C-alpha atoms as a PDB file:
ATOM      1  CA  ALA A   1      30.270 -17.955 -38.021  1.00  0.00           C
ATOM      2  CA  GLY A   2      28.317 -15.975 -40.671  1.00  0.00           C
ATOM      3  CA  PRO A   3      28.366 -13.311 -43.497  1.00  0.00           C
ATOM      4  CA  GLY A   4      30.213  -9.959 -43.562  1.00  0.00           C
ATOM      5  CA  SER A   5      28.582  -6.851 -43.059  1.00  0.00           C
ATOM      6  CA  TYR A   6      27.936  -6.221 -46.891  1.00  0.00           C
ATOM      7  CA  THR A   7      25.281  -6.855 -49.550  1.00  0.00           C
ATOM      8  CA  VAL A   8      26.178  -7.933 -52.931  1.00  0.00           C
ATOM      9  CA  GLY A   9      23.528  -7.429 -55.770  1.00  0.00           C
ATOM     10  CA  THR A  10      23.113  -6.215 -59.527  1.00  0.00           C
ATOM     11  CA  MET A  11      22.553  -2.376 -59.731  1.00  0.00           C
ATOM     12  CA  SER A  12      19.159  -1.442 -61.649  1.00  0.00           C
ATOM     13  CA  GLU A  13      19.255   2.253 -60.964  1.00  0.00           C
ATOM     14  CA  ARG A  14      21.975   5.064 -62.063  1.00  0.00           C
ATOM     15  CA  PHE A  15      24.970   4.743 -59.187  1.00  0.00           C
ATOM     16  CA  ASP A  16      28.440   5.336 -59.718  1.00  0.00           C
ATOM     17  CA  CYS A  17      31.414   3.133 -58.037  1.00  0.00           C
ATOM     18  CA  HIS A  18      32.376   5.074 -54.752  1.00  0.00           C
ATOM     19  CA  TYR A  19      35.925   4.518 -55.612  1.00  0.00           C
ATOM     20  CA  CYS A  20      36.536   4.231 -59.620  1.00  0.00           C
ATOM     21  CA  ARG A  21      33.282   6.171 -60.210  1.00  0.00           C
ATOM     22  CA  ASP A  22      32.663   3.957 -63.250  1.00  0.00           C
ATOM     23  CA  PRO A  23      28.791   3.384 -63.609  1.00  0.00           C
ATOM     24  CA  LEU A  24      27.285   0.634 -61.945  1.00  0.00           C
ATOM     25  CA  GLN A  25      23.805   0.262 -63.500  1.00  0.00           C
ATOM     26  CA  GLY A  26      23.311  -3.206 -64.952  1.00  0.00           C
ATOM     27  CA  LYS A  27      26.487  -4.360 -62.963  1.00  0.00           C
ATOM     28  CA  LYS A  28      26.879  -6.277 -60.046  1.00  0.00           C
ATOM     29  CA  TYR A  29      28.084  -4.257 -57.045  1.00  0.00           C
ATOM     30  CA  VAL A  30      28.841  -4.496 -53.239  1.00  0.00           C
ATOM     31  CA  GLN A  31      27.070  -2.541 -50.884  1.00  0.00           C
ATOM     32  CA  LYS A  32      28.932  -1.729 -47.614  1.00  0.00           C
ATOM     33  CA  GLU A  33      28.404   1.032 -44.885  1.00  0.00           C
ATOM     34  CA  GLY A  34      26.152   3.091 -47.264  1.00  0.00           C
ATOM     35  CA  ARG A  35      28.549   2.849 -49.926  1.00  0.00           C
ATOM     36  CA  HIS A  36      28.006   1.186 -53.474  1.00  0.00           C
ATOM     37  CA  CYS A  37      31.376  -0.168 -55.314  1.00  0.00           C
ATOM     38  CA  CYS A  38      32.104  -2.362 -58.254  1.00  0.00           C
ATOM     39  CA  VAL A  39      33.272  -5.894 -57.421  1.00  0.00           C
ATOM     40  CA  LYS A  40      36.933  -5.052 -58.379  1.00  0.00           C
ATOM     41  CA  CYS A  41      37.139  -2.051 -56.179  1.00  0.00           C
ATOM     42  CA  PHE A  42      35.525  -4.001 -53.300  1.00  0.00           C
ATOM     43  CA  ASP A  43      38.155  -6.545 -53.623  1.00  0.00           C
ATOM     44  CA  LYS A  44      40.764  -3.853 -53.543  1.00  0.00           C
ATOM     45  CA  PHE A  45      39.733  -1.683 -50.998  1.00  0.00           C
ATOM     46  CA  CYS A  46      36.989  -3.263 -48.747  1.00  0.00           C
ATOM     47  CA  ALA A  47      37.307  -7.252 -48.681  1.00  0.00           C
ATOM     48  CA  ASN A  48      38.650  -8.558 -45.509  1.00  0.00           C
ATOM     49  CA  THR A  49      41.700 -10.601 -45.221  1.00  0.00           C
ATOM     50  CA  CYS A  50      41.445 -14.303 -44.462  1.00  0.00           C
ATOM     51  CA  ILE A  51      43.248 -14.997 -41.168  1.00  0.00           C
ATOM     52  CA  GLU A  52      44.476 -18.490 -42.619  1.00  0.00           C
ATOM     53  CA  CYS A  53      45.843 -17.761 -46.230  1.00  0.00           C
ATOM     54  CA  LYS A  54      46.355 -14.133 -45.643  1.00  0.00           C
ATOM     55  CA  LYS A  55      44.422 -13.174 -48.862  1.00  0.00           C
ATOM     56  CA  PRO A  56      41.412 -10.904 -49.363  1.00  0.00           C
ATOM     57  CA  ILE A  57      38.165 -12.575 -49.173  1.00  0.00           C
ATOM     58  CA  GLY A  58      36.444 -11.232 -52.497  1.00  0.00           C
ATOM     59  CA  ALA A  59      32.800 -10.222 -53.002  1.00  0.00           C
ATOM     60  CA  ASP A  60      32.432 -13.769 -55.087  1.00  0.00           C
ATOM     61  CA  SER A  61      33.830 -15.804 -52.190  1.00  0.00           C
ATOM     62  CA  LYS A  62      31.975 -17.266 -49.141  1.00  0.00           C
ATOM     63  CA  GLU A  63      33.058 -15.554 -46.057  1.00  0.00           C
ATOM     64  CA  LEU A  64      32.827 -16.803 -42.615  1.00  0.00           C
ATOM     65  CA  HIS A  65      33.612 -14.633 -39.513  1.00  0.00           C
ATOM     66  CA  PHE A  66      34.236 -15.019 -35.719  1.00  0.00           C
ATOM     67  CA  LYS A  67      35.193 -12.546 -33.137  1.00  0.00           C
ATOM     68  CA  ASN A  68      36.341 -10.025 -35.720  1.00  0.00           C
ATOM     69  CA  ARG A  69      38.153 -12.717 -37.438  1.00  0.00           C
ATOM     70  CA  TYR A  70      37.497 -13.791 -41.003  1.00  0.00           C
ATOM     71  CA  TRP A  71      38.113 -16.844 -43.070  1.00  0.00           C
ATOM     72  CA  HIS A  72      37.080 -18.272 -46.542  1.00  0.00           C
ATOM     73  CA  ASP A  73      34.871 -20.927 -46.182  1.00  0.00           C
ATOM     74  CA  SER A  74      37.370 -23.153 -47.709  1.00  0.00           C
ATOM     75  CA  CYS A  75      40.034 -22.191 -45.148  1.00  0.00           C
ATOM     76  CA  PHE A  76      37.754 -22.609 -42.245  1.00  0.00           C
ATOM     77  CA  ARG A  77      39.297 -25.999 -41.348  1.00  0.00           C
ATOM     78  CA  CYS A  78      40.670 -27.724 -38.247  1.00  0.00           C
ATOM     79  CA  PHE A  79      44.447 -26.799 -37.748  1.00  0.00           C
ATOM     80  CA  LYS A  80      45.228 -30.194 -36.863  1.00  0.00           C
ATOM     81  CA  CYS A  81      43.170 -32.686 -39.010  1.00  0.00           C
ATOM     82  CA  TYR A  82      42.236 -30.249 -41.873  1.00  0.00           C
ATOM     83  CA  THR A  83      38.475 -31.126 -41.414  1.00  0.00           C
ATOM     84  CA  SER A  84      35.859 -28.442 -42.658  1.00  0.00           C
ATOM     85  CA  LEU A  85      34.333 -26.634 -39.844  1.00  0.00           C
ATOM     86  CA  VAL A  86      31.411 -25.069 -41.674  1.00  0.00           C
ATOM     87  CA  ASN A  87      28.361 -25.940 -39.638  1.00  0.00           C
ATOM     88  CA  GLU A  88      30.633 -27.866 -37.220  1.00  0.00           C
ATOM     89  CA  PRO A  89      31.394 -27.035 -33.471  1.00  0.00           C
ATOM     90  CA  PHE A  90      34.924 -25.493 -33.260  1.00  0.00           C
ATOM     91  CA  MET A  91      37.264 -23.773 -30.668  1.00  0.00           C
ATOM     92  CA  LEU A  92      39.411 -20.731 -31.365  1.00  0.00           C
ATOM     93  CA  ARG A  93      42.947 -21.949 -29.717  1.00  0.00           C
ATOM     94  CA  GLU A  94      46.400 -20.099 -29.716  1.00  0.00           C
ATOM     95  CA  ASN A  95      47.734 -18.090 -32.690  1.00  0.00           C
ATOM     96  CA  ASN A  96      44.050 -17.836 -33.900  1.00  0.00           C
ATOM     97  CA  LYS A  97      44.081 -21.334 -35.120  1.00  0.00           C
ATOM     98  CA  VAL A  98      40.581 -23.323 -35.360  1.00  0.00           C
ATOM     99  CA  TRP A  99      40.291 -26.692 -33.833  1.00  0.00           C
ATOM    100  CA  CYS A 100      37.502 -29.483 -34.274  1.00  0.00           C
ATOM    101  CA  SER A 101      36.097 -30.821 -30.998  1.00  0.00           C
ATOM    102  CA  ASN A 102      37.702 -34.019 -31.394  1.00  0.00           C
ATOM    103  CA  CYS A 103      41.218 -32.727 -31.824  1.00  0.00           C
ATOM    104  CA  THR A 104      40.734 -29.987 -29.048  1.00  0.00           C
ATOM    105  CA  ALA A 105      39.861 -33.121 -26.701  1.00  0.00           C
ATOM    106  CA  ALA A 106      42.822 -35.118 -27.770  1.00  0.00           C
ATOM    107  CA  GLU A 107      45.254 -32.159 -27.561  1.00  0.00           C
ATOM    108  CA  ASP A 108      43.895 -31.359 -23.823  1.00  0.00           C
ATOM    109  CA  ALA A 109      43.698 -35.016 -22.715  1.00  0.00           C
ATOM    110  CA  PRO A 110      46.420 -36.391 -20.682  1.00  0.00           C
ATOM    111  CA  ARG A 111      49.290 -37.960 -22.261  1.00  0.00           C
ATOM    112  CA  CYS A 112      50.244 -41.617 -21.912  1.00  0.00           C
ATOM    113  CA  LYS A 113      53.513 -42.244 -19.993  1.00  0.00           C
ATOM    114  CA  GLY A 114      54.175 -45.215 -22.524  1.00  0.00           C
ATOM    115  CA  CYS A 115      53.455 -44.047 -26.045  1.00  0.00           C
ATOM    116  CA  PHE A 116      53.269 -40.397 -25.236  1.00  0.00           C
ATOM    117  CA  LYS A 117      49.693 -40.302 -27.053  1.00  0.00           C
ATOM    118  CA  PRO A 118      46.735 -38.734 -25.540  1.00  0.00           C
ATOM    119  CA  ILE A 119      44.408 -40.663 -23.371  1.00  0.00           C
ATOM    120  CA  ILE A 120      40.734 -39.560 -24.636  1.00  0.00           C
ATOM    121  CA  ALA A 121      37.537 -40.230 -23.148  1.00  0.00           C
ATOM    122  CA  GLY A 122      36.598 -43.996 -23.209  1.00  0.00           C
ATOM    123  CA  ASP A 123      40.200 -45.231 -23.468  1.00  0.00           C
ATOM    124  CA  GLN A 124      41.055 -48.009 -20.657  1.00  0.00           C
ATOM    125  CA  ASN A 125      43.739 -46.725 -18.673  1.00  0.00           C
ATOM    126  CA  VAL A 126      46.124 -47.094 -15.666  1.00  0.00           C
ATOM    127  CA  GLU A 127      46.922 -44.503 -13.169  1.00  0.00           C
ATOM    128  CA  TYR A 128      49.795 -44.673 -10.517  1.00  0.00           C
ATOM    129  CA  LYS A 129      51.330 -41.527  -8.486  1.00  0.00           C
ATOM    130  CA  LYS A 130      49.654 -38.805 -10.848  1.00  0.00           C
ATOM    131  CA  MET A 131      50.965 -40.870 -14.110  1.00  0.00           C
ATOM    132  CA  VAL A 132      48.679 -42.339 -16.658  1.00  0.00           C
ATOM    133  CA  TRP A 133      49.204 -45.121 -19.262  1.00  0.00           C
ATOM    134  CA  HIS A 134      47.092 -46.647 -21.820  1.00  0.00           C
ATOM    135  CA  LYS A 135      46.030 -50.137 -20.283  1.00  0.00           C
ATOM    136  CA  ASP A 136      48.068 -51.971 -23.164  1.00  0.00           C
ATOM    137  CA  CYS A 137      50.939 -49.540 -22.666  1.00  0.00           C
ATOM    138  CA  PHE A 138      51.495 -50.421 -19.039  1.00  0.00           C
ATOM    139  CA  THR A 139      53.869 -53.205 -19.145  1.00  0.00           C
ATOM    140  CA  CYS A 140      56.496 -54.901 -17.096  1.00  0.00           C
ATOM    141  CA  SER A 141      59.804 -53.214 -17.451  1.00  0.00           C
ATOM    142  CA  GLN A 142      61.422 -56.811 -17.410  1.00  0.00           C
ATOM    143  CA  CYS A 143      59.460 -59.277 -19.692  1.00  0.00           C
ATOM    144  CA  LYS A 144      57.558 -56.406 -21.549  1.00  0.00           C
ATOM    145  CA  GLN A 145      54.343 -58.272 -20.959  1.00  0.00           C
ATOM    146  CA  VAL A 146      51.172 -56.018 -20.335  1.00  0.00           C
ATOM    147  CA  ILE A 147      50.362 -55.565 -16.815  1.00  0.00           C
ATOM    148  CA  GLY A 148      47.337 -53.755 -17.355  1.00  0.00           C
ATOM    149  CA  SER A 149      45.089 -53.556 -14.249  1.00  0.00           C
ATOM    150  CA  GLY A 150      46.796 -56.500 -12.615  1.00  0.00           C
ATOM    151  CA  SER A 151      49.231 -56.699  -9.456  1.00  0.00           C
ATOM    152  CA  PHE A 152      52.795 -55.022  -9.987  1.00  0.00           C
ATOM    153  CA  PHE A 153      55.771 -53.883  -7.970  1.00  0.00           C
ATOM    154  CA  PRO A 154      57.160 -50.362  -8.597  1.00  0.00           C
ATOM    155  CA  LYS A 155      61.182 -49.988  -8.343  1.00  0.00           C
ATOM    156  CA  GLY A 156      62.205 -46.373  -9.161  1.00  0.00           C
ATOM    157  CA  ASP A 157      60.838 -45.483 -12.710  1.00  0.00           C
ATOM    158  CA  ASP A 158      60.467 -49.212 -13.595  1.00  0.00           C
ATOM    159  CA  PHE A 159      57.408 -51.236 -12.857  1.00  0.00           C
ATOM    160  CA  TYR A 160      57.674 -55.222 -12.634  1.00  0.00           C
ATOM    161  CA  CYS A 161      54.992 -58.113 -12.799  1.00  0.00           C
ATOM    162  CA  VAL A 162      54.650 -60.455  -9.988  1.00  0.00           C
ATOM    163  CA  SER A 163      56.634 -63.189 -11.556  1.00  0.00           C
ATOM    164  CA  CYS A 164      59.620 -60.955 -12.745  1.00  0.00           C
ATOM    165  CA  HIS A 165      59.768 -58.968  -9.476  1.00  0.00           C
ATOM    166  CA  GLU A 166      59.821 -62.463  -7.714  1.00  0.00           C
ATOM    167  CA  HIS A 167      62.823 -63.684  -9.702  1.00  0.00           C
ATOM    168  CA  LYS A 168      64.697 -60.376  -9.689  1.00  0.00           C
ATOM    169  CA  PHE A 169      64.291 -58.957  -6.411  1.00  0.00           C
ATOM    170  CA  ALA A 170      62.707 -61.361  -3.984  1.00  0.00           C
ATOM    171  CA  LYS A 171      64.871 -63.317  -1.319  1.00  0.00           C
ATOM    172  CA  THR A 172      65.093 -67.107  -1.580  1.00  0.00           C
ATOM    173  CA  CYS A 173      64.088 -69.560   0.871  1.00  0.00           C
ATOM    174  CA  ALA A 174      66.951 -71.289   2.493  1.00  0.00           C
ATOM    175  CA  LYS A 175      65.010 -74.556   2.355  1.00  0.00           C
ATOM    176  CA  CYS A 176      62.848 -74.693  -0.959  1.00  0.00           C
ATOM    177  CA  LYS A 177      65.173 -72.233  -2.867  1.00  0.00           C
ATOM    178  CA  ASN A 178      61.921 -70.566  -4.221  1.00  0.00           C
ATOM    179  CA  PRO A 179      61.436 -66.691  -3.996  1.00  0.00           C
ATOM    180  CA  ILE A 180      59.676 -65.287  -0.703  1.00  0.00           C
ATOM    181  CA  THR A 181      56.871 -63.084  -1.807  1.00  0.00           C
ATOM    182  CA  SER A 182      55.284 -62.140   1.398  1.00  0.00           C
ATOM    183  CA  GLY A 183      55.928 -62.879   4.995  1.00  0.00           C
ATOM    184  CA  GLY A 184      58.507 -65.146   5.832  1.00  0.00           C
ATOM    185  CA  LEU A 185      61.270 -65.230   8.726  1.00  0.00           C
ATOM    186  CA  THR A 186      64.994 -65.006   9.054  1.00  0.00           C
ATOM    187  CA  TYR A 187      66.918 -67.240  11.132  1.00  0.00           C
ATOM    188  CA  GLN A 188      71.006 -66.775  11.362  1.00  0.00           C
ATOM    189  CA  GLU A 189      70.702 -64.330   8.709  1.00  0.00           C
ATOM    190  CA  GLN A 190      68.811 -66.549   6.363  1.00  0.00           C
ATOM    191  CA  PRO A 191      65.282 -66.133   4.755  1.00  0.00           C
ATOM    192  CA  TRP A 192      62.795 -68.738   4.988  1.00  0.00           C
ATOM    193  CA  HIS A 193      59.246 -69.382   4.233  1.00  0.00           C
ATOM    194  CA  SER A 194      57.262 -69.765   7.274  1.00  0.00           C
ATOM    195  CA  GLU A 195      55.708 -72.867   5.877  1.00  0.00           C
ATOM    196  CA  CYS A 196      59.417 -74.345   5.344  1.00  0.00           C
ATOM    197  CA  PHE A 197      60.839 -73.356   8.618  1.00  0.00           C
ATOM    198  CA  ILE A 198      58.771 -76.369  10.531  1.00  0.00           C
ATOM    199  CA  CYS A 199      60.012 -79.148  13.103  1.00  0.00           C
ATOM    200  CA  SER A 200      61.977 -81.902  11.509  1.00  0.00           C
ATOM    201  CA  ASN A 201      59.950 -84.421  13.537  1.00  0.00           C
ATOM    202  CA  CYS A 202      56.032 -83.558  13.682  1.00  0.00           C
ATOM    203  CA  LYS A 203      56.256 -80.595  10.670  1.00  0.00           C
ATOM    204  CA  LYS A 204      54.729 -77.811  12.703  1.00  0.00           C
ATOM    205  CA  GLN A 205      55.811 -74.596  11.826  1.00  0.00           C
ATOM    206  CA  LEU A 206      58.354 -73.135  14.244  1.00  0.00           C
ATOM    207  CA  GLY A 207      57.836 -69.113  13.646  1.00  0.00           C
ATOM    208  CA  GLY A 208      57.333 -67.471  16.673  1.00  0.00           C
ATOM    209  CA  LYS A 209      57.869 -70.453  19.023  1.00  0.00           C
ATOM    210  CA  ARG A 210      60.529 -71.887  20.840  1.00  0.00           C
ATOM    211  CA  PHE A 211      62.731 -74.522  18.964  1.00  0.00           C
ATOM    212  CA  THR A 212      66.179 -76.200  19.034  1.00  0.00           C
ATOM    213  CA  ALA A 213      68.557 -76.591  16.152  1.00  0.00           C
ATOM    214  CA  VAL A 214      70.718 -79.671  15.774  1.00  0.00           C
ATOM    215  CA  GLU A 215      73.149 -80.330  12.837  1.00  0.00           C
ATOM    216  CA  ASP A 216      70.931 -78.244  10.538  1.00  0.00           C
ATOM    217  CA  GLN A 217      67.558 -79.687  11.788  1.00  0.00           C
ATOM    218  CA  PHE A 218      64.929 -77.885  13.645  1.00  0.00           C
ATOM    219  CA  TYR A 219      63.178 -79.164  16.381  1.00  0.00           C
ATOM    220  CA  CYS A 220      60.091 -77.986  18.735  1.00  0.00           C
ATOM    221  CA  VAL A 221      60.144 -78.390  22.373  1.00  0.00           C
ATOM    222  CA  GLU A 222      58.050 -81.413  22.523  1.00  0.00           C
ATOM    223  CA  CYS A 223      59.932 -83.252  19.762  1.00  0.00           C
ATOM    224  CA  TYR A 224      63.501 -82.219  20.965  1.00  0.00           C
ATOM    225  CA  LYS A 225      62.571 -83.956  24.346  1.00  0.00           C
ATOM    226  CA  GLU A 226      60.952 -86.893  22.965  1.00  0.00           C
ATOM    227  CA  CYS A 227      63.267 -87.754  19.992  1.00  0.00           C
ATOM    228  CA  VAL A 228      66.788 -85.804  20.430  1.00  0.00           C
ATOM    229  CA  ALA A 229      67.657 -84.545  23.935  1.00  0.00           C
ATOM    230  CA  LYS A 230      69.978 -86.687  26.542  1.00  0.00           C
ATOM    231  CA  LYS A 231      68.300 -87.818  29.503  1.00  0.00           C
ATOM    232  CA  CYS A 232      69.492 -86.808  32.775  1.00  0.00           C
ATOM    233  CA  ALA A 233      71.354 -89.585  34.432  1.00  0.00           C
ATOM    234  CA  GLY A 234      69.924 -88.410  37.684  1.00  0.00           C
ATOM    235  CA  CYS A 235      66.023 -87.619  37.315  1.00  0.00           C
ATOM    236  CA  LYS A 236      65.996 -89.512  33.873  1.00  0.00           C
ATOM    237  CA  ASN A 237      64.083 -86.668  32.304  1.00  0.00           C
ATOM    238  CA  PRO A 238      65.148 -85.078  28.921  1.00  0.00           C
ATOM    239  CA  ILE A 239      68.033 -82.320  29.246  1.00  0.00           C
ATOM    240  CA  THR A 240      66.377 -79.569  26.952  1.00  0.00           C
ATOM    241  CA  GLY A 241      68.110 -76.642  27.737  1.00  0.00           C
ATOM    242  CA  PHE A 242      64.748 -74.841  28.402  1.00  0.00           C
ATOM    243  CA  GLY A 243      63.573 -73.362  31.570  1.00  0.00           C
ATOM    244  CA  ARG A 244      65.166 -74.418  34.993  1.00  0.00           C
ATOM    245  CA  GLY A 245      68.546 -76.069  34.921  1.00  0.00           C
ATOM    246  CA  THR A 246      69.741 -74.688  31.421  1.00  0.00           C
ATOM    247  CA  SER A 247      73.290 -75.694  32.445  1.00  0.00           C
ATOM    248  CA  VAL A 248      74.323 -79.408  31.808  1.00  0.00           C
ATOM    249  CA  VAL A 249      77.025 -81.461  33.476  1.00  0.00           C
ATOM    250  CA  ASN A 250      78.558 -84.068  31.457  1.00  0.00           C
ATOM    251  CA  TYR A 251      80.977 -86.913  32.527  1.00  0.00           C
ATOM    252  CA  GLU A 252      82.132 -90.072  30.918  1.00  0.00           C
ATOM    253  CA  ASP A 253      79.271 -90.319  28.373  1.00  0.00           C
ATOM    254  CA  GLU A 254      76.604 -89.307  30.609  1.00  0.00           C
ATOM    255  CA  SER A 255      74.721 -86.006  31.309  1.00  0.00           C
ATOM    256  CA  TRP A 256      72.829 -84.292  34.290  1.00  0.00           C
ATOM    257  CA  HIS A 257      71.024 -81.377  34.712  1.00  0.00           C
ATOM    258  CA  ASP A 258      73.050 -78.928  36.935  1.00  0.00           C
ATOM    259  CA  TYR A 259      70.436 -79.382  39.735  1.00  0.00           C
ATOM    260  CA  CYS A 260      70.451 -83.062  39.476  1.00  0.00           C
ATOM    261  CA  PHE A 261      74.290 -83.272  39.786  1.00  0.00           C
ATOM    262  CA  LYS A 262      74.627 -83.909  43.450  1.00  0.00           C
ATOM    263  CA  CYS A 263      76.328 -86.292  46.100  1.00  0.00           C
ATOM    264  CA  THR A 264      74.934 -89.632  46.393  1.00  0.00           C
ATOM    265  CA  LYS A 265      75.059 -89.235  50.054  1.00  0.00           C
ATOM    266  CA  CYS A 266      74.618 -85.837  51.165  1.00  0.00           C
ATOM    267  CA  ALA A 267      72.662 -84.401  48.515  1.00  0.00           C
ATOM    268  CA  ARG A 268      74.979 -81.542  48.095  1.00  0.00           C
ATOM    269  CA  GLY A 269      74.892 -79.736  44.438  1.00  0.00           C
ATOM    270  CA  LEU A 270      78.002 -80.299  42.936  1.00  0.00           C
ATOM    271  CA  ALA A 271      78.005 -78.389  39.647  1.00  0.00           C
ATOM    272  CA  ASN A 272      81.085 -76.551  39.015  1.00  0.00           C
ATOM    273  CA  LYS A 273      82.589 -78.072  42.542  1.00  0.00           C
ATOM    274  CA  ARG A 274      84.831 -80.925  43.212  1.00  0.00           C
ATOM    275  CA  PHE A 275      83.491 -84.329  43.243  1.00  0.00           C
ATOM    276  CA  VAL A 276      84.398 -88.142  43.301  1.00  0.00           C
ATOM    277  CA  CYS A 277      83.179 -91.034  41.462  1.00  0.00           C
ATOM    278  CA  HIS A 278      83.094 -94.228  43.214  1.00  0.00           C
ATOM    279  CA  ASN A 279      81.639 -97.339  42.093  1.00  0.00           C
ATOM    280  CA  GLY A 280      79.733 -95.439  39.322  1.00  0.00           C
ATOM    281  CA  LYS A 281      78.256 -93.251  41.943  1.00  0.00           C
ATOM    282  CA  ILE A 282      79.023 -89.320  42.536  1.00  0.00           C
ATOM    283  CA  TYR A 283      79.971 -87.933  45.932  1.00  0.00           C
ATOM    284  CA  CYS A 284      81.333 -84.738  47.348  1.00  0.00           C
ATOM    285  CA  ALA A 285      85.029 -84.868  48.127  1.00  0.00           C
ATOM    286  CA  GLU A 286      84.244 -85.452  51.838  1.00  0.00           C
ATOM    287  CA  CYS A 287      81.473 -88.205  51.811  1.00  0.00           C
ATOM    288  CA  PRO A 288      83.886 -91.009  50.302  1.00  0.00           C
ATOM    289  CA  LYS A 289      86.022 -90.575  53.541  1.00  0.00           C
ATOM    290  CA  ARG A 290      82.863 -91.854  55.609  1.00  0.00           C
ATOM    291  CA  LEU A 291      81.987 -94.694  53.604  1.00  0.00           C
END
């Protein structure tokens, strides 16, 4: 900004005002574009109009101009904060309004999704999917505590801290009843922590391993054989239901692997066949006749 294209002084020679023809000798005058005029006529016919207050900028006023726009020095203020911009950096924005550099930066800065105020350089902030918050404005939708740069879980337009997400959305372990925040497994449509789904005897985790459920208790193969499984009346080994001989034959409180249930005399397999029990031993239908 700088002075307009005219000169103000006091006339020492014989000149008349270009407009009203009054003599100017000994009087204050204005020279503009080669013409001399009195102050009164200058204000009336020649003065520039202040773009801010819309009033003439008289010869006795200080004038500032920028790109063919003129202001009183007292009108040359930031449109936003009203700080004087004489000798200060400024920006000419829409509607010919001048802004200071601070207000320009704030106006052009991204807006906080929480408080809708600008996030200016130096502010701590959080960004997520092209949205931005002041760090202290990024809070849990449930407990309203500041999440800041901590871990969070998005749900639609809401954001939850780890604790609130666990209580509101996480599945609950069928054993310990605490939330399952990561991993876990499902058995019979019930969720479990991996560390909770264990053998009732040796306490080893059963995830991804073979196991047997007995009256709401779970056993690994080894413990089931050792502690729970019935012993075959034929071979005396555990009947586990795993591997060979998954079928079991039960008779009078005793059990056999299906391949062990055979005639005592001829060794014919009797699973799913007629048999005879004689003196506590099992025979096919033919062999008792030969005894």
